[in-house]
Amino acid sequence: MKYLLIVTFLGIVCLGFSCPNGWIANGSKCYHFSREEESWVEAVQVCKQIQGTLLQIEDAAENAFIQSEAQLTNVNYWIDLTDIEQEGTWVWMESGTPLSTTGFSDWNDDPANYKDDGEDCAGLYEADGHKWAVTNCADNYNYICERDNTDGGSVVG
């Protein structure tokens, strides 16, 4: 009986600090790489439905992890970055953090080259090793959701 209680306790503790099914752990975050394509707006909504947010890349280490995982699939992915509110001012939409204040970016081309052409969302572009690319928000890409690595559950998709 004593061993059963220990195993049960350990099982509860482990479940409390693991990613849900369909998510990949890296540090304090869990990531869901979608299998389906959506527009940028739809990707934001789907991430919320599965209790996450569209990916906001914080630093070079996180970017390297995301790129290594993304390269296993050979598809483009949406991230949470947009200049839809003010042309040329890139902001992580969920947090409202301007890209200029984060000190990190990984563009495949200078985003200033895309002013006033309706391309207001950013994604990870497969042909350039999943570097960040400016694109039209209505395009359909796969997407990456993130959430804190603190609770259980599962996701389909």
Protein backbone atom coordinates (compact mmCIF):
# COMPACT_ATOMS: atom_id res chain seq x y z
CA MET A 1 0.00 0.00 0.00
CA LYS A 2 2.86 2.38 0.84
CA TYR A 3 4.35 1.93 -2.68
CA LEU A 4 0.97 2.47 -4.33
CA LEU A 5 0.60 5.83 -2.57
CA ILE A 6 4.08 6.92 -3.64
CA VAL A 7 3.45 5.92 -7.25
CA THR A 8 0.07 7.67 -7.21
CA PHE A 9 1.61 10.83 -5.72
CA LEU A 10 4.45 10.83 -8.25
CA GLY A 11 1.96 10.34 -11.07
CA ILE A 12 -0.05 13.36 -9.94
CA VAL A 13 3.07 15.51 -9.58
CA CYS A 14 4.36 14.49 -13.03
CA LEU A 15 1.00 15.18 -14.67
CA GLY A 16 0.96 18.65 -13.10
CA PHE A 17 4.19 19.66 -14.86
CA SER A 18 3.92 18.11 -18.29
CA CYS A 19 2.64 19.31 -21.61
CA PRO A 20 -0.72 18.13 -22.91
CA ASN A 21 -0.85 15.44 -25.59
CA GLY A 22 0.01 16.97 -28.96
CA TRP A 23 2.34 19.58 -27.41
CA ILE A 24 6.16 19.58 -27.19
CA ALA A 25 7.98 20.78 -24.07
CA ASN A 26 10.95 23.14 -24.09
CA GLY A 27 11.90 24.74 -20.78
CA SER A 28 8.90 26.40 -19.18
CA LYS A 29 6.81 26.36 -22.39
CA CYS A 30 4.76 23.86 -24.37
CA TYR A 31 4.39 24.20 -28.15
CA HIS A 32 1.76 22.85 -30.53
CA PHE A 33 2.80 22.62 -34.19
CA SER A 34 -0.44 22.42 -36.16
CA ARG A 35 -1.11 19.92 -38.90
CA GLU A 36 -3.68 22.13 -40.58
CA GLU A 37 -3.49 25.50 -42.31
CA GLU A 38 -5.43 28.61 -41.35
CA SER A 39 -5.29 32.34 -42.01
CA TRP A 40 -3.39 34.36 -39.40
CA VAL A 41 -6.62 35.54 -37.71
CA GLU A 42 -8.00 31.99 -37.64
CA ALA A 43 -4.69 30.69 -36.22
CA VAL A 44 -4.95 33.21 -33.35
CA GLN A 45 -8.46 31.95 -32.60
CA VAL A 46 -7.56 28.24 -32.78
CA CYS A 47 -4.67 28.76 -30.37
CA LYS A 48 -7.05 30.41 -27.90
CA GLN A 49 -9.53 27.54 -28.29
CA ILE A 50 -6.85 25.06 -27.26
CA GLN A 51 -5.82 27.22 -24.29
CA GLY A 52 -2.71 28.72 -25.81
CA THR A 53 -1.61 31.74 -27.79
CA LEU A 54 0.01 32.12 -31.18
CA LEU A 55 3.79 31.87 -30.77
CA GLN A 56 5.74 34.89 -29.50
CA ILE A 57 9.47 34.23 -29.87
CA GLU A 58 11.33 35.70 -26.90
CA ASP A 59 15.01 35.10 -27.71
CA ALA A 60 17.59 33.33 -29.87
CA ALA A 61 17.44 30.10 -27.85
CA GLU A 62 13.69 29.78 -28.26
CA ASN A 63 13.98 30.68 -31.95
CA ALA A 64 16.61 27.96 -32.48
CA PHE A 65 14.38 25.37 -30.80
CA ILE A 66 11.36 26.39 -32.88
CA GLN A 67 13.37 26.36 -36.12
CA SER A 68 14.77 22.89 -35.41
CA GLU A 69 11.29 21.50 -34.75
CA ALA A 70 9.74 23.34 -37.72
CA GLN A 71 12.36 21.98 -40.12
CA LEU A 72 11.04 18.47 -39.45
CA THR A 73 7.80 19.34 -41.24
CA ASN A 74 8.75 21.44 -44.31
CA VAL A 75 5.79 23.83 -43.99
CA ASN A 76 5.36 27.55 -43.24
CA TYR A 77 4.08 28.58 -39.80
CA TRP A 78 2.34 31.67 -38.46
CA ILE A 79 3.76 33.49 -35.43
CA ASP A 80 2.05 36.24 -33.37
CA LEU A 81 3.96 39.14 -34.94
CA THR A 82 2.09 41.80 -36.95
CA ASP A 83 2.22 45.42 -38.08
CA ILE A 84 -1.50 45.51 -38.86
CA GLU A 85 -2.21 48.39 -36.46
CA GLN A 86 0.61 50.67 -37.69
CA GLU A 87 2.53 49.96 -40.88
CA GLY A 88 6.19 49.28 -40.14
CA THR A 89 5.74 48.93 -36.37
CA TRP A 90 5.95 45.21 -35.61
CA VAL A 91 4.20 44.12 -32.42
CA TRP A 92 3.62 40.79 -30.70
CA MET A 93 -0.17 40.99 -30.80
CA GLU A 94 -1.05 38.91 -27.72
CA SER A 95 1.28 40.73 -25.33
CA GLY A 96 1.27 44.10 -27.11
CA THR A 97 5.08 44.14 -26.93
CA PRO A 98 6.76 46.07 -29.76
CA LEU A 99 9.41 43.99 -31.49
CA SER A 100 11.79 46.94 -31.21
CA THR A 101 11.88 46.52 -27.41
CA THR A 102 12.65 42.78 -27.34
CA GLY A 103 16.15 42.99 -28.79
CA PHE A 104 15.77 39.89 -30.97
CA SER A 105 14.54 39.18 -34.51
CA ASP A 106 15.37 36.72 -37.26
CA TRP A 107 13.97 38.20 -40.49
CA ASN A 108 14.78 36.57 -43.83
CA ASP A 109 14.57 40.05 -45.42
CA ASP A 110 14.21 43.59 -44.07
CA PRO A 111 10.49 44.02 -43.27
CA ALA A 112 10.73 47.67 -44.37
CA ASN A 113 10.82 46.31 -47.94
CA TYR A 114 7.13 45.36 -47.62
CA LYS A 115 5.50 48.66 -46.69
CA ASP A 116 1.99 49.40 -47.88
CA ASP A 117 1.42 46.18 -49.81
CA GLY A 118 -1.07 44.47 -47.48
CA GLU A 119 1.47 42.08 -46.01
CA ASP A 120 1.00 42.69 -42.30
CA CYS A 121 1.65 39.34 -40.60
CA ALA A 122 4.79 37.34 -39.93
CA GLY A 123 5.47 33.67 -40.33
CA LEU A 124 8.32 31.22 -40.37
CA TYR A 125 9.22 30.69 -44.03
CA GLU A 126 10.24 27.11 -44.79
CA ALA A 127 12.33 27.94 -47.89
CA ASP A 128 14.62 30.15 -45.77
CA GLY A 129 15.20 27.71 -42.93
CA HIS A 130 12.15 29.01 -41.06
CA LYS A 131 13.44 32.53 -40.70
CA TRP A 132 10.79 35.19 -40.10
CA ALA A 133 9.00 36.42 -43.21
CA VAL A 134 6.44 39.14 -43.94
CA THR A 135 3.32 37.82 -45.62
CA ASN A 136 -0.36 38.45 -46.26
CA CYS A 137 -2.52 37.66 -43.21
CA ALA A 138 -5.13 36.00 -45.43
CA ASP A 139 -2.67 33.35 -46.63
CA ASN A 140 -3.13 29.89 -45.18
CA TYR A 141 -0.20 28.51 -43.18
CA ASN A 142 0.26 26.07 -40.38
CA TYR A 143 0.70 27.73 -37.00
CA ILE A 144 2.49 27.28 -33.69
CA CYS A 145 0.68 27.78 -30.40
CA GLU A 146 2.40 28.09 -27.04
CA ARG A 147 1.39 27.86 -23.40
CA ASP A 148 3.04 27.54 -20.03
CA ASN A 149 4.34 24.08 -19.13
CA THR A 150 2.22 23.71 -16.00
CA ASP A 151 -0.95 21.74 -16.60
CA GLY A 152 -2.33 18.65 -18.32
CA GLY A 153 -4.89 18.13 -21.03
CA SER A 154 -4.80 17.18 -24.68
CA VAL A 155 -5.27 18.65 -28.09
CA VAL A 156 -6.29 17.32 -31.46
CA GLY A 157 -5.06 18.92 -34.70
